[in-house]
PDB file of N, CA and C in Angstrom:
ATOM      1  N   UNK A   1      53.568 -58.242  59.612  1.00  0.00           N
ATOM      2  CA  UNK A   1      52.600 -58.750  58.654  1.00  0.00           C
ATOM      3  C   UNK A   1      51.647 -57.618  58.272  1.00  0.00           C
ATOM      4  N   UNK A   2      51.448 -57.428  56.978  1.00  0.00           N
ATOM      5  CA  UNK A   2      50.485 -56.435  56.499  1.00  0.00           C
ATOM      6  C   UNK A   2      49.079 -57.022  56.565  1.00  0.00           C
ATOM      7  N   UNK A   3      48.121 -56.172  56.909  1.00  0.00           N
ATOM      8  CA  UNK A   3      46.727 -56.595  56.973  1.00  0.00           C
ATOM      9  C   UNK A   3      45.917 -55.727  56.020  1.00  0.00           C
ATOM     10  N   UNK A   4      45.057 -56.352  55.241  1.00  0.00           N
ATOM     11  CA  UNK A   4      44.246 -55.680  54.235  1.00  0.00           C
ATOM     12  C   UNK A   4      42.821 -56.177  54.409  1.00  0.00           C
ATOM     13  N   UNK A   5      41.831 -55.304  54.224  1.00  0.00           N
ATOM     14  CA  UNK A   5      40.431 -55.720  54.317  1.00  0.00           C
ATOM     15  C   UNK A   5      39.737 -55.505  52.985  1.00  0.00           C
ATOM     16  N   UNK A   6      38.952 -56.491  52.561  1.00  0.00           N
ATOM     17  CA  UNK A   6      38.072 -56.354  51.416  1.00  0.00           C
ATOM     18  C   UNK A   6      36.635 -56.515  51.904  1.00  0.00           C
ATOM     19  N   UNK A   7      35.753 -55.679  51.400  1.00  0.00           N
ATOM     20  CA  UNK A   7      34.321 -55.854  51.599  1.00  0.00           C
ATOM     21  C   UNK A   7      33.871 -56.832  50.512  1.00  0.00           C
ATOM     22  N   UNK A   8      33.134 -57.867  50.905  1.00  0.00           N
ATOM     23  CA  UNK A   8      32.693 -58.885  49.943  1.00  0.00           C
ATOM     24  C   UNK A   8      31.190 -59.098  50.051  1.00  0.00           C
ATOM     25  N   UNK A   9      30.616 -59.670  49.004  1.00  0.00           N
ATOM     26  CA  UNK A   9      29.188 -59.982  49.001  1.00  0.00           C
ATOM     27  C   UNK A   9      28.886 -61.257  49.775  1.00  0.00           C
ATOM     28  N   UNK A  10      29.822 -62.208  49.777  1.00  0.00           N
ATOM     29  CA  UNK A  10      29.603 -63.520  50.387  1.00  0.00           C
ATOM     30  C   UNK A  10      30.923 -64.041  50.935  1.00  0.00           C
ATOM     31  N   UNK A  11      31.010 -64.173  52.247  1.00  0.00           N
ATOM     32  CA  UNK A  11      32.260 -64.593  52.896  1.00  0.00           C
ATOM     33  C   UNK A  11      32.657 -66.004  52.474  1.00  0.00           C
ATOM     34  N   UNK A  12      31.707 -66.925  52.398  1.00  0.00           N
ATOM     35  CA  UNK A  12      32.054 -68.299  52.002  1.00  0.00           C
ATOM     36  C   UNK A  12      32.645 -68.342  50.592  1.00  0.00           C
ATOM     37  N   UNK A  13      32.062 -67.579  49.662  1.00  0.00           N
ATOM     38  CA  UNK A  13      32.612 -67.517  48.299  1.00  0.00           C
ATOM     39  C   UNK A  13      34.016 -66.930  48.307  1.00  0.00           C
ATOM     40  N   UNK A  14      34.213 -65.879  49.100  1.00  0.00           N
ATOM     41  CA  UNK A  14      35.531 -65.242  49.175  1.00  0.00           C
ATOM     42  C   UNK A  14      36.565 -66.201  49.747  1.00  0.00           C
ATOM     43  N   UNK A  15      36.211 -66.907  50.809  1.00  0.00           N
ATOM     44  CA  UNK A  15      37.129 -67.880  51.410  1.00  0.00           C
ATOM     45  C   UNK A  15      37.507 -68.936  50.387  1.00  0.00           C
ATOM     46  N   UNK A  16      36.517 -69.453  49.683  1.00  0.00           N
ATOM     47  CA  UNK A  16      36.783 -70.476  48.672  1.00  0.00           C
ATOM     48  C   UNK A  16      37.726 -69.949  47.600  1.00  0.00           C
ATOM     49  N   UNK A  17      37.499 -68.733  47.115  1.00  0.00           N
ATOM     50  CA  UNK A  17      38.349 -68.149  46.076  1.00  0.00           C
ATOM     51  C   UNK A  17      39.783 -67.971  46.559  1.00  0.00           C
ATOM     52  N   UNK A  18      39.966 -67.301  47.669  1.00  0.00           N
ATOM     53  CA  UNK A  18      41.323 -67.013  48.131  1.00  0.00           C
ATOM     54  C   UNK A  18      42.059 -68.274  48.595  1.00  0.00           C
ATOM     55  N   UNK A  19      41.352 -69.195  49.209  1.00  0.00           N
ATOM     56  CA  UNK A  19      41.982 -70.438  49.678  1.00  0.00           C
ATOM     57  C   UNK A  19      42.241 -71.395  48.515  1.00  0.00           C
ATOM     58  N   UNK A  20      41.217 -71.691  47.744  1.00  0.00           N
ATOM     59  CA  UNK A  20      41.312 -72.734  46.727  1.00  0.00           C
ATOM     60  C   UNK A  20      41.976 -72.268  45.429  1.00  0.00           C
ATOM     61  N   UNK A  21      41.810 -70.999  45.082  1.00  0.00           N
ATOM     62  CA  UNK A  21      42.368 -70.507  43.824  1.00  0.00           C
ATOM     63  C   UNK A  21      43.721 -69.818  43.989  1.00  0.00           C
ATOM     64  N   UNK A  22      43.921 -69.106  45.116  1.00  0.00           N
ATOM     65  CA  UNK A  22      45.143 -68.319  45.274  1.00  0.00           C
ATOM     66  C   UNK A  22      46.059 -68.802  46.398  1.00  0.00           C
ATOM     67  N   UNK A  23      45.716 -69.892  47.060  1.00  0.00           N
ATOM     68  CA  UNK A  23      46.621 -70.506  48.015  1.00  0.00           C
ATOM     69  C   UNK A  23      46.701 -69.868  49.385  1.00  0.00           C
ATOM     70  N   UNK A  24      45.692 -69.079  49.776  1.00  0.00           N
ATOM     71  CA  UNK A  24      45.651 -68.532  51.126  1.00  0.00           C
ATOM     72  C   UNK A  24      45.237 -69.624  52.105  1.00  0.00           C
ATOM     73  N   UNK A  25      45.625 -69.473  53.353  1.00  0.00           N
ATOM     74  CA  UNK A  25      45.188 -70.382  54.415  1.00  0.00           C
ATOM     75  C   UNK A  25      44.113 -69.667  55.235  1.00  0.00           C
ATOM     76  N   UNK A  26      43.052 -70.383  55.559  1.00  0.00           N
ATOM     77  CA  UNK A  26      41.998 -69.818  56.400  1.00  0.00           C
ATOM     78  C   UNK A  26      42.464 -69.870  57.840  1.00  0.00           C
ATOM     79  N   UNK A  27      42.540 -68.708  58.475  1.00  0.00           N
ATOM     80  CA  UNK A  27      42.954 -68.616  59.874  1.00  0.00           C
ATOM     81  C   UNK A  27      41.743 -68.729  60.787  1.00  0.00           C
ATOM     82  N   UNK A  28      40.724 -67.899  60.548  1.00  0.00           N
ATOM     83  CA  UNK A  28      39.497 -67.918  61.341  1.00  0.00           C
ATOM     84  C   UNK A  28      38.336 -67.470  60.472  1.00  0.00           C
ATOM     85  N   UNK A  29      37.149 -67.973  60.808  1.00  0.00           N
ATOM     86  CA  UNK A  29      35.945 -67.497  60.137  1.00  0.00           C
ATOM     87  C   UNK A  29      34.870 -67.273  61.173  1.00  0.00           C
ATOM     88  N   UNK A  30      34.177 -66.159  61.039  1.00  0.00           N
ATOM     89  CA  UNK A  30      33.098 -65.777  61.945  1.00  0.00           C
ATOM     90  C   UNK A  30      31.788 -65.829  61.179  1.00  0.00           C
ATOM     91  N   UNK A  31      31.397 -67.035  60.789  1.00  0.00           N
ATOM     92  CA  UNK A  31      30.159 -67.233  60.043  1.00  0.00           C
ATOM     93  C   UNK A  31      30.135 -66.414  58.768  1.00  0.00           C
ATOM     94  N   UNK A  32      28.961 -65.825  58.432  1.00  0.00           N
ATOM     95  CA  UNK A  32      28.857 -65.046  57.197  1.00  0.00           C
ATOM     96  C   UNK A  32      29.376 -63.609  57.339  1.00  0.00           C
ATOM     97  N   UNK A  33      29.838 -63.239  58.540  1.00  0.00           N
ATOM     98  CA  UNK A  33      30.255 -61.854  58.767  1.00  0.00           C
ATOM     99  C   UNK A  33      31.686 -61.577  58.324  1.00  0.00           C
ATOM    100  N   UNK A  34      32.618 -62.480  58.640  1.00  0.00           N
ATOM    101  CA  UNK A  34      34.017 -62.164  58.389  1.00  0.00           C
ATOM    102  C   UNK A  34      34.875 -63.415  58.423  1.00  0.00           C
ATOM    103  N   UNK A  35      35.995 -63.360  57.692  1.00  0.00           N
ATOM    104  CA  UNK A  35      37.003 -64.417  57.756  1.00  0.00           C
ATOM    105  C   UNK A  35      38.375 -63.757  57.667  1.00  0.00           C
ATOM    106  N   UNK A  36      39.355 -64.427  58.259  1.00  0.00           N
ATOM    107  CA  UNK A  36      40.735 -63.979  58.207  1.00  0.00           C
ATOM    108  C   UNK A  36      41.535 -65.046  57.482  1.00  0.00           C
ATOM    109  N   UNK A  37      42.203 -64.626  56.399  1.00  0.00           N
ATOM    110  CA  UNK A  37      43.027 -65.538  55.607  1.00  0.00           C
ATOM    111  C   UNK A  37      44.452 -65.015  55.602  1.00  0.00           C
ATOM    112  N   UNK A  38      45.421 -65.925  55.387  1.00  0.00           N
ATOM    113  CA  UNK A  38      46.826 -65.525  55.385  1.00  0.00           C
ATOM    114  C   UNK A  38      47.581 -66.175  54.239  1.00  0.00           C
ATOM    115  N   UNK A  39      48.521 -65.416  53.700  1.00  0.00           N
ATOM    116  CA  UNK A  39      49.446 -65.929  52.680  1.00  0.00           C
ATOM    117  C   UNK A  39      50.747 -65.161  52.866  1.00  0.00           C
ATOM    118  N   UNK A  40      51.821 -65.898  53.094  1.00  0.00           N
ATOM    119  CA  UNK A  40      53.126 -65.281  53.316  1.00  0.00           C
ATOM    120  C   UNK A  40      53.005 -64.231  54.428  1.00  0.00           C
ATOM    121  N   UNK A  41      53.351 -62.978  54.139  1.00  0.00           N
ATOM    122  CA  UNK A  41      53.287 -61.917  55.147  1.00  0.00           C
ATOM    123  C   UNK A  41      52.056 -61.032  54.991  1.00  0.00           C
ATOM    124  N   UNK A  42      50.991 -61.581  54.415  1.00  0.00           N
ATOM    125  CA  UNK A  42      49.766 -60.819  54.205  1.00  0.00           C
ATOM    126  C   UNK A  42      48.614 -61.483  54.946  1.00  0.00           C
ATOM    127  N   UNK A  43      47.885 -60.686  55.694  1.00  0.00           N
ATOM    128  CA  UNK A  43      46.663 -61.156  56.330  1.00  0.00           C
ATOM    129  C   UNK A  43      45.513 -60.420  55.651  1.00  0.00           C
ATOM    130  N   UNK A  44      44.550 -61.167  55.125  1.00  0.00           N
ATOM    131  CA  UNK A  44      43.410 -60.605  54.422  1.00  0.00           C
ATOM    132  C   UNK A  44      42.149 -60.847  55.234  1.00  0.00           C
ATOM    133  N   UNK A  45      41.469 -59.770  55.554  1.00  0.00           N
ATOM    134  CA  UNK A  45      40.181 -59.852  56.238  1.00  0.00           C
ATOM    135  C   UNK A  45      39.104 -59.637  55.192  1.00  0.00           C
ATOM    136  N   UNK A  46      38.185 -60.583  55.050  1.00  0.00           N
ATOM    137  CA  UNK A  46      37.052 -60.410  54.149  1.00  0.00           C
ATOM    138  C   UNK A  46      35.805 -60.199  55.001  1.00  0.00           C
ATOM    139  N   UNK A  47      35.116 -59.095  54.757  1.00  0.00           N
ATOM    140  CA  UNK A  47      33.962 -58.711  55.566  1.00  0.00           C
ATOM    141  C   UNK A  47      32.701 -58.748  54.721  1.00  0.00           C
ATOM    142  N   UNK A  48      31.737 -59.562  55.142  1.00  0.00           N
ATOM    143  CA  UNK A  48      30.469 -59.693  54.437  1.00  0.00           C
ATOM    144  C   UNK A  48      29.429 -58.705  54.935  1.00  0.00           C
ATOM    145  N   UNK A  49      28.219 -58.764  54.390  1.00  0.00           N
ATOM    146  CA  UNK A  49      27.155 -57.820  54.752  1.00  0.00           C
ATOM    147  C   UNK A  49      26.870 -57.715  56.257  1.00  0.00           C
ATOM    148  N   UNK A  50      26.954 -58.808  57.058  1.00  0.00           N
ATOM    149  CA  UNK A  50      26.669 -58.642  58.488  1.00  0.00           C
ATOM    150  C   UNK A  50      27.822 -58.033  59.310  1.00  0.00           C
ATOM    151  N   UNK A  51      28.988 -57.825  58.702  1.00  0.00           N
ATOM    152  CA  UNK A  51      30.149 -57.339  59.441  1.00  0.00           C
ATOM    153  C   UNK A  51      30.000 -55.867  59.820  1.00  0.00           C
ATOM    154  N   UNK A  52      30.609 -55.498  60.925  1.00  0.00           N
ATOM    155  CA  UNK A  52      30.577 -54.094  61.335  1.00  0.00           C
ATOM    156  C   UNK A  52      31.239 -53.203  60.286  1.00  0.00           C
ATOM    157  N   UNK A  53      32.241 -53.715  59.579  1.00  0.00           N
ATOM    158  CA  UNK A  53      32.933 -52.932  58.548  1.00  0.00           C
ATOM    159  C   UNK A  53      32.035 -52.620  57.356  1.00  0.00           C
ATOM    160  N   UNK A  54      30.903 -53.310  57.232  1.00  0.00           N
ATOM    161  CA  UNK A  54      29.989 -53.103  56.111  1.00  0.00           C
ATOM    162  C   UNK A  54      28.851 -52.144  56.446  1.00  0.00           C
ATOM    163  N   UNK A  55      28.832 -51.639  57.676  1.00  0.00           N
ATOM    164  CA  UNK A  55      27.759 -50.724  58.076  1.00  0.00           C
ATOM    165  C   UNK A  55      27.893 -49.377  57.358  1.00  0.00           C
ATOM    166  N   UNK A  56      26.754 -48.745  57.077  1.00  0.00           N
ATOM    167  CA  UNK A  56      26.801 -47.430  56.430  1.00  0.00           C
ATOM    168  C   UNK A  56      27.542 -46.396  57.281  1.00  0.00           C
ATOM    169  N   UNK A  57      28.144 -45.437  56.611  1.00  0.00           N
ATOM    170  CA  UNK A  57      28.849 -44.335  57.257  1.00  0.00           C
ATOM    171  C   UNK A  57      27.826 -43.277  57.682  1.00  0.00           C
ATOM    172  N   UNK A  58      28.228 -42.347  58.553  1.00  0.00           N
ATOM    173  CA  UNK A  58      27.293 -41.311  59.002  1.00  0.00           C
ATOM    174  C   UNK A  58      26.675 -40.497  57.854  1.00  0.00           C
ATOM    175  N   UNK A  59      27.395 -40.358  56.742  1.00  0.00           N
ATOM    176  CA  UNK A  59      26.847 -39.598  55.603  1.00  0.00           C
ATOM    177  C   UNK A  59      25.937 -40.442  54.718  1.00  0.00           C
ATOM    178  N   UNK A  60      25.726 -41.723  55.081  1.00  0.00           N
ATOM    179  CA  UNK A  60      24.848 -42.605  54.325  1.00  0.00           C
ATOM    180  C   UNK A  60      25.559 -43.467  53.300  1.00  0.00           C
ATOM    181  N   UNK A  61      26.836 -43.179  52.998  1.00  0.00           N
ATOM    182  CA  UNK A  61      27.554 -44.019  52.034  1.00  0.00           C
ATOM    183  C   UNK A  61      27.776 -45.394  52.640  1.00  0.00           C
ATOM    184  N   UNK A  62      27.772 -46.391  51.767  1.00  0.00           N
ATOM    185  CA  UNK A  62      27.883 -47.776  52.227  1.00  0.00           C
ATOM    186  C   UNK A  62      29.125 -48.423  51.634  1.00  0.00           C
ATOM    187  N   UNK A  63      29.962 -49.033  52.474  1.00  0.00           N
ATOM    188  CA  UNK A  63      31.124 -49.755  51.944  1.00  0.00           C
ATOM    189  C   UNK A  63      30.669 -50.833  50.949  1.00  0.00           C
ATOM    190  N   UNK A  64      31.401 -50.925  49.843  1.00  0.00           N
ATOM    191  CA  UNK A  64      31.030 -51.881  48.797  1.00  0.00           C
ATOM    192  C   UNK A  64      32.293 -52.455  48.163  1.00  0.00           C
ATOM    193  N   UNK A  65      32.214 -53.666  47.634  1.00  0.00           N
ATOM    194  CA  UNK A  65      33.374 -54.263  46.966  1.00  0.00           C
ATOM    195  C   UNK A  65      33.626 -53.629  45.602  1.00  0.00           C
ATOM    196  N   UNK A  66      34.827 -53.901  45.075  1.00  0.00           N
ATOM    197  CA  UNK A  66      35.100 -53.602  43.681  1.00  0.00           C
ATOM    198  C   UNK A  66      35.931 -52.384  43.360  1.00  0.00           C
ATOM    199  N   UNK A  67      36.663 -51.801  44.308  1.00  0.00           N
ATOM    200  CA  UNK A  67      37.516 -50.654  43.999  1.00  0.00           C
ATOM    201  C   UNK A  67      38.790 -51.087  43.277  1.00  0.00           C
ATOM    202  N   UNK A  68      39.675 -50.119  43.009  1.00  0.00           N
ATOM    203  CA  UNK A  68      40.913 -50.410  42.294  1.00  0.00           C
ATOM    204  C   UNK A  68      42.075 -50.676  43.230  1.00  0.00           C
ATOM    205  N   UNK A  69      41.953 -50.359  44.527  1.00  0.00           N
ATOM    206  CA  UNK A  69      43.005 -50.761  45.457  1.00  0.00           C
ATOM    207  C   UNK A  69      43.037 -52.276  45.452  1.00  0.00           C
ATOM    208  N   UNK A  70      44.215 -52.856  45.642  1.00  0.00           N
ATOM    209  CA  UNK A  70      44.276 -54.307  45.500  1.00  0.00           C
ATOM    210  C   UNK A  70      45.445 -54.896  46.261  1.00  0.00           C
ATOM    211  N   UNK A  71      45.289 -56.182  46.548  1.00  0.00           N
ATOM    212  CA  UNK A  71      46.419 -56.933  47.054  1.00  0.00           C
ATOM    213  C   UNK A  71      47.199 -57.440  45.849  1.00  0.00           C
ATOM    214  N   UNK A  72      48.478 -57.697  46.058  1.00  0.00           N
ATOM    215  CA  UNK A  72      49.332 -58.241  45.008  1.00  0.00           C
ATOM    216  C   UNK A  72      49.777 -59.628  45.466  1.00  0.00           C
ATOM    217  N   UNK A  73      49.500 -60.625  44.649  1.00  0.00           N
ATOM    218  CA  UNK A  73      49.925 -61.989  44.927  1.00  0.00           C
ATOM    219  C   UNK A  73      51.061 -62.313  43.960  1.00  0.00           C
ATOM    220  N   UNK A  74      52.245 -62.555  44.515  1.00  0.00           N
ATOM    221  CA  UNK A  74      53.414 -62.873  43.698  1.00  0.00           C
ATOM    222  C   UNK A  74      53.350 -64.334  43.288  1.00  0.00           C
ATOM    223  N   UNK A  75      53.539 -64.580  41.986  1.00  0.00           N
ATOM    224  CA  UNK A  75      53.511 -65.945  41.446  1.00  0.00           C
ATOM    225  C   UNK A  75      54.808 -66.205  40.688  1.00  0.00           C
ATOM    226  N   UNK A  76      55.129 -67.473  40.504  1.00  0.00           N
ATOM    227  CA  UNK A  76      56.354 -67.824  39.777  1.00  0.00           C
ATOM    228  C   UNK A  76      56.101 -68.102  38.301  1.00  0.00           C
ATOM    229  N   UNK A  77      54.859 -68.450  37.945  1.00  0.00           N
ATOM    230  CA  UNK A  77      54.507 -68.753  36.550  1.00  0.00           C
ATOM    231  C   UNK A  77      53.182 -68.074  36.243  1.00  0.00           C
ATOM    232  N   UNK A  78      53.238 -66.825  35.819  1.00  0.00           N
ATOM    233  CA  UNK A  78      52.006 -66.062  35.630  1.00  0.00           C
ATOM    234  C   UNK A  78      51.135 -66.648  34.521  1.00  0.00           C
ATOM    235  N   UNK A  79      51.737 -67.094  33.430  1.00  0.00           N
ATOM    236  CA  UNK A  79      50.953 -67.655  32.329  1.00  0.00           C
ATOM    237  C   UNK A  79      50.213 -68.917  32.777  1.00  0.00           C
ATOM    238  N   UNK A  80      50.899 -69.793  33.485  1.00  0.00           N
ATOM    239  CA  UNK A  80      50.268 -71.014  33.973  1.00  0.00           C
ATOM    240  C   UNK A  80      49.193 -70.726  35.003  1.00  0.00           C
ATOM    241  N   UNK A  81      49.452 -69.750  35.868  1.00  0.00           N
ATOM    242  CA  UNK A  81      48.465 -69.374  36.885  1.00  0.00           C
ATOM    243  C   UNK A  81      47.210 -68.820  36.232  1.00  0.00           C
ATOM    244  N   UNK A  82      47.390 -67.956  35.246  1.00  0.00           N
ATOM    245  CA  UNK A  82      46.241 -67.381  34.531  1.00  0.00           C
ATOM    246  C   UNK A  82      45.447 -68.478  33.831  1.00  0.00           C
ATOM    247  N   UNK A  83      46.135 -69.391  33.185  1.00  0.00           N
ATOM    248  CA  UNK A  83      45.451 -70.495  32.501  1.00  0.00           C
ATOM    249  C   UNK A  83      44.619 -71.315  33.495  1.00  0.00           C
ATOM    250  N   UNK A  84      45.213 -71.644  34.637  1.00  0.00           N
ATOM    251  CA  UNK A  84      44.492 -72.416  35.655  1.00  0.00           C
ATOM    252  C   UNK A  84      43.275 -71.650  36.177  1.00  0.00           C
ATOM    253  N   UNK A  85      43.458 -70.366  36.458  1.00  0.00           N
ATOM    254  CA  UNK A  85      42.357 -69.567  36.996  1.00  0.00           C
ATOM    255  C   UNK A  85      41.255 -69.361  35.973  1.00  0.00           C
ATOM    256  N   UNK A  86      41.622 -69.122  34.716  1.00  0.00           N
ATOM    257  CA  UNK A  86      40.599 -69.001  33.658  1.00  0.00           C
ATOM    258  C   UNK A  86      39.801 -70.296  33.555  1.00  0.00           C
ATOM    259  N   UNK A  87      40.497 -71.421  33.654  1.00  0.00           N
ATOM    260  CA  UNK A  87      39.827 -72.719  33.613  1.00  0.00           C
ATOM    261  C   UNK A  87      38.862 -72.919  34.763  1.00  0.00           C
ATOM    262  N   UNK A  88      39.126 -72.247  35.870  1.00  0.00           N
ATOM    263  CA  UNK A  88      38.248 -72.333  37.044  1.00  0.00           C
ATOM    264  C   UNK A  88      37.146 -71.263  37.007  1.00  0.00           C
ATOM    265  N   UNK A  89      37.109 -70.478  35.927  1.00  0.00           N
ATOM    266  CA  UNK A  89      36.049 -69.485  35.777  1.00  0.00           C
ATOM    267  C   UNK A  89      36.340 -68.126  36.391  1.00  0.00           C
ATOM    268  N   UNK A  90      37.577 -67.870  36.793  1.00  0.00           N
ATOM    269  CA  UNK A  90      37.927 -66.581  37.373  1.00  0.00           C
ATOM    270  C   UNK A  90      37.891 -65.511  36.283  1.00  0.00           C
ATOM    271  N   UNK A  91      37.334 -64.346  36.623  1.00  0.00           N
ATOM    272  CA  UNK A  91      37.238 -63.222  35.682  1.00  0.00           C
ATOM    273  C   UNK A  91      38.523 -62.399  35.716  1.00  0.00           C
ATOM    274  N   UNK A  92      38.970 -61.961  34.539  1.00  0.00           N
ATOM    275  CA  UNK A  92      40.154 -61.119  34.408  1.00  0.00           C
ATOM    276  C   UNK A  92      39.751 -59.772  33.817  1.00  0.00           C
ATOM    277  N   UNK A  93      40.415 -58.714  34.264  1.00  0.00           N
ATOM    278  CA  UNK A  93      40.150 -57.369  33.767  1.00  0.00           C
ATOM    279  C   UNK A  93      41.013 -57.041  32.554  1.00  0.00           C
ATOM    280  N   UNK A  94      42.129 -57.749  32.390  1.00  0.00           N
ATOM    281  CA  UNK A  94      43.041 -57.467  31.284  1.00  0.00           C
ATOM    282  C   UNK A  94      43.836 -58.716  30.964  1.00  0.00           C
ATOM    283  N   UNK A  95      44.697 -58.607  29.956  1.00  0.00           N
ATOM    284  CA  UNK A  95      45.646 -59.668  29.640  1.00  0.00           C
ATOM    285  C   UNK A  95      46.952 -59.352  30.350  1.00  0.00           C
ATOM    286  N   UNK A  96      47.845 -60.308  30.393  1.00  0.00           N
ATOM    287  CA  UNK A  96      49.145 -60.111  31.032  1.00  0.00           C
ATOM    288  C   UNK A  96      49.876 -58.969  30.338  1.00  0.00           C
ATOM    289  N   UNK A  97      50.403 -58.048  31.145  1.00  0.00           N
ATOM    290  CA  UNK A  97      51.208 -56.950  30.604  1.00  0.00           C
ATOM    291  C   UNK A  97      52.591 -57.015  31.237  1.00  0.00           C
ATOM    292  N   UNK A  98      53.557 -56.420  30.543  1.00  0.00           N
ATOM    293  CA  UNK A  98      54.932 -56.436  31.035  1.00  0.00           C
ATOM    294  C   UNK A  98      55.376 -55.014  31.331  1.00  0.00           C
ATOM    295  N   UNK A  99      56.049 -54.853  32.455  1.00  0.00           N
ATOM    296  CA  UNK A  99      56.588 -53.559  32.837  1.00  0.00           C
ATOM    297  C   UNK A  99      58.035 -53.715  33.243  1.00  0.00           C
ATOM    298  N   UNK A 100      58.637 -52.640  33.770  1.00  0.00           N
ATOM    299  CA  UNK A 100      60.053 -52.696  34.105  1.00  0.00           C
ATOM    300  C   UNK A 100      60.386 -53.689  35.220  1.00  0.00           C
ATOM    301  N   UNK A 101      59.417 -54.011  36.079  1.00  0.00           N
ATOM    302  CA  UNK A 101      59.703 -54.909  37.199  1.00  0.00           C
ATOM    303  C   UNK A 101      59.243 -56.334  37.011  1.00  0.00           C
ATOM    304  N   UNK A 102      58.463 -56.576  35.956  1.00  0.00           N
ATOM    305  CA  UNK A 102      57.956 -57.924  35.754  1.00  0.00           C
ATOM    306  C   UNK A 102      56.663 -57.909  34.964  1.00  0.00           C
ATOM    307  N   UNK A 103      55.884 -58.971  35.134  1.00  0.00           N
ATOM    308  CA  UNK A 103      54.629 -59.142  34.408  1.00  0.00           C
ATOM    309  C   UNK A 103      53.479 -59.150  35.403  1.00  0.00           C
ATOM    310  N   UNK A 104      52.343 -58.610  34.980  1.00  0.00           N
ATOM    311  CA  UNK A 104      51.193 -58.557  35.871  1.00  0.00           C
ATOM    312  C   UNK A 104      49.895 -58.700  35.100  1.00  0.00           C
ATOM    313  N   UNK A 105      48.859 -59.089  35.845  1.00  0.00           N
ATOM    314  CA  UNK A 105      47.513 -59.187  35.303  1.00  0.00           C
ATOM    315  C   UNK A 105      46.546 -58.972  36.466  1.00  0.00           C
ATOM    316  N   UNK A 106      45.361 -58.466  36.157  1.00  0.00           N
ATOM    317  CA  UNK A 106      44.366 -58.208  37.188  1.00  0.00           C
ATOM    318  C   UNK A 106      43.192 -59.162  37.035  1.00  0.00           C
ATOM    319  N   UNK A 107      42.849 -59.836  38.138  1.00  0.00           N
ATOM    320  CA  UNK A 107      41.657 -60.675  38.150  1.00  0.00           C
ATOM    321  C   UNK A 107      40.725 -60.148  39.234  1.00  0.00           C
ATOM    322  N   UNK A 108      39.530 -60.726  39.304  1.00  0.00           N
ATOM    323  CA  UNK A 108      38.550 -60.300  40.289  1.00  0.00           C
ATOM    324  C   UNK A 108      38.154 -61.466  41.175  1.00  0.00           C
ATOM    325  N   UNK A 109      37.941 -61.165  42.466  1.00  0.00           N
ATOM    326  CA  UNK A 109      37.375 -62.184  43.347  1.00  0.00           C
ATOM    327  C   UNK A 109      35.874 -62.269  43.055  1.00  0.00           C
ATOM    328  N   UNK A 110      35.133 -63.179  43.668  1.00  0.00           N
ATOM    329  CA  UNK A 110      33.715 -63.331  43.342  1.00  0.00           C
ATOM    330  C   UNK A 110      32.866 -62.076  43.584  1.00  0.00           C
ATOM    331  N   UNK A 111      33.348 -61.136  44.424  1.00  0.00           N
ATOM    332  CA  UNK A 111      32.603 -59.904  44.684  1.00  0.00           C
ATOM    333  C   UNK A 111      33.023 -58.750  43.789  1.00  0.00           C
ATOM    334  N   UNK A 112      34.047 -58.946  42.940  1.00  0.00           N
ATOM    335  CA  UNK A 112      34.513 -57.897  42.048  1.00  0.00           C
ATOM    336  C   UNK A 112      35.705 -57.109  42.567  1.00  0.00           C
ATOM    337  N   UNK A 113      36.281 -57.521  43.711  1.00  0.00           N
ATOM    338  CA  UNK A 113      37.502 -56.880  44.197  1.00  0.00           C
ATOM    339  C   UNK A 113      38.663 -57.289  43.307  1.00  0.00           C
ATOM    340  N   UNK A 114      39.548 -56.345  43.034  1.00  0.00           N
ATOM    341  CA  UNK A 114      40.672 -56.590  42.140  1.00  0.00           C
ATOM    342  C   UNK A 114      41.832 -57.233  42.893  1.00  0.00           C
ATOM    343  N   UNK A 115      42.431 -58.245  42.275  1.00  0.00           N
ATOM    344  CA  UNK A 115      43.629 -58.910  42.781  1.00  0.00           C
ATOM    345  C   UNK A 115      44.664 -58.871  41.670  1.00  0.00           C
ATOM    346  N   UNK A 116      45.846 -58.372  41.985  1.00  0.00           N
ATOM    347  CA  UNK A 116      46.939 -58.347  41.000  1.00  0.00           C
ATOM    348  C   UNK A 116      47.802 -59.576  41.175  1.00  0.00           C
ATOM    349  N   UNK A 117      48.002 -60.291  40.094  1.00  0.00           N
ATOM    350  CA  UNK A 117      48.974 -61.386  40.071  1.00  0.00           C
ATOM    351  C   UNK A 117      50.232 -60.824  39.448  1.00  0.00           C
ATOM    352  N   UNK A 118      51.372 -61.017  40.094  1.00  0.00           N
ATOM    353  CA  UNK A 118      52.617 -60.387  39.656  1.00  0.00           C
ATOM    354  C   UNK A 118      53.745 -61.407  39.638  1.00  0.00           C
ATOM    355  N   UNK A 119      54.439 -61.462  38.517  1.00  0.00           N
ATOM    356  CA  UNK A 119      55.631 -62.314  38.390  1.00  0.00           C
ATOM    357  C   UNK A 119      56.823 -61.392  38.201  1.00  0.00           C
ATOM    358  N   UNK A 120      57.725 -61.345  39.189  1.00  0.00           N
ATOM    359  CA  UNK A 120      58.898 -60.486  39.048  1.00  0.00           C
ATOM    360  C   UNK A 120      59.720 -60.884  37.828  1.00  0.00           C
ATOM    361  N   UNK A 121      60.338 -59.888  37.239  1.00  0.00           N
ATOM    362  CA  UNK A 121      61.099 -60.160  36.033  1.00  0.00           C
ATOM    363  C   UNK A 121      62.507 -59.808  36.238  1.00  0.00           C
TER     364      UNK A 121
END
């Protein structure tokens, strides 16, 4: 199982987004500090401001959400998924694009972390 960590602004919001919008299962939650969610062979750790993963580095830089690295969630109906997520207020960075392997679109979790939705073609 692959494990990925996202730094988030609010663990409860992140849990709600990944569980209710993208179909992840909540495995464990440690209050506002961290939660572990799972989908297929992916384990996602979301770390909030109180988490050790959110502490500043020795050079003073602080981990923050919103980079371009991302998890990929495979879907069977990308157009329908996008429509449902837009209806729920999810923000998208682009429209669906098509490439040699399928179709993809980028959305954001409540903290601004990028999630790729991908439909194999």
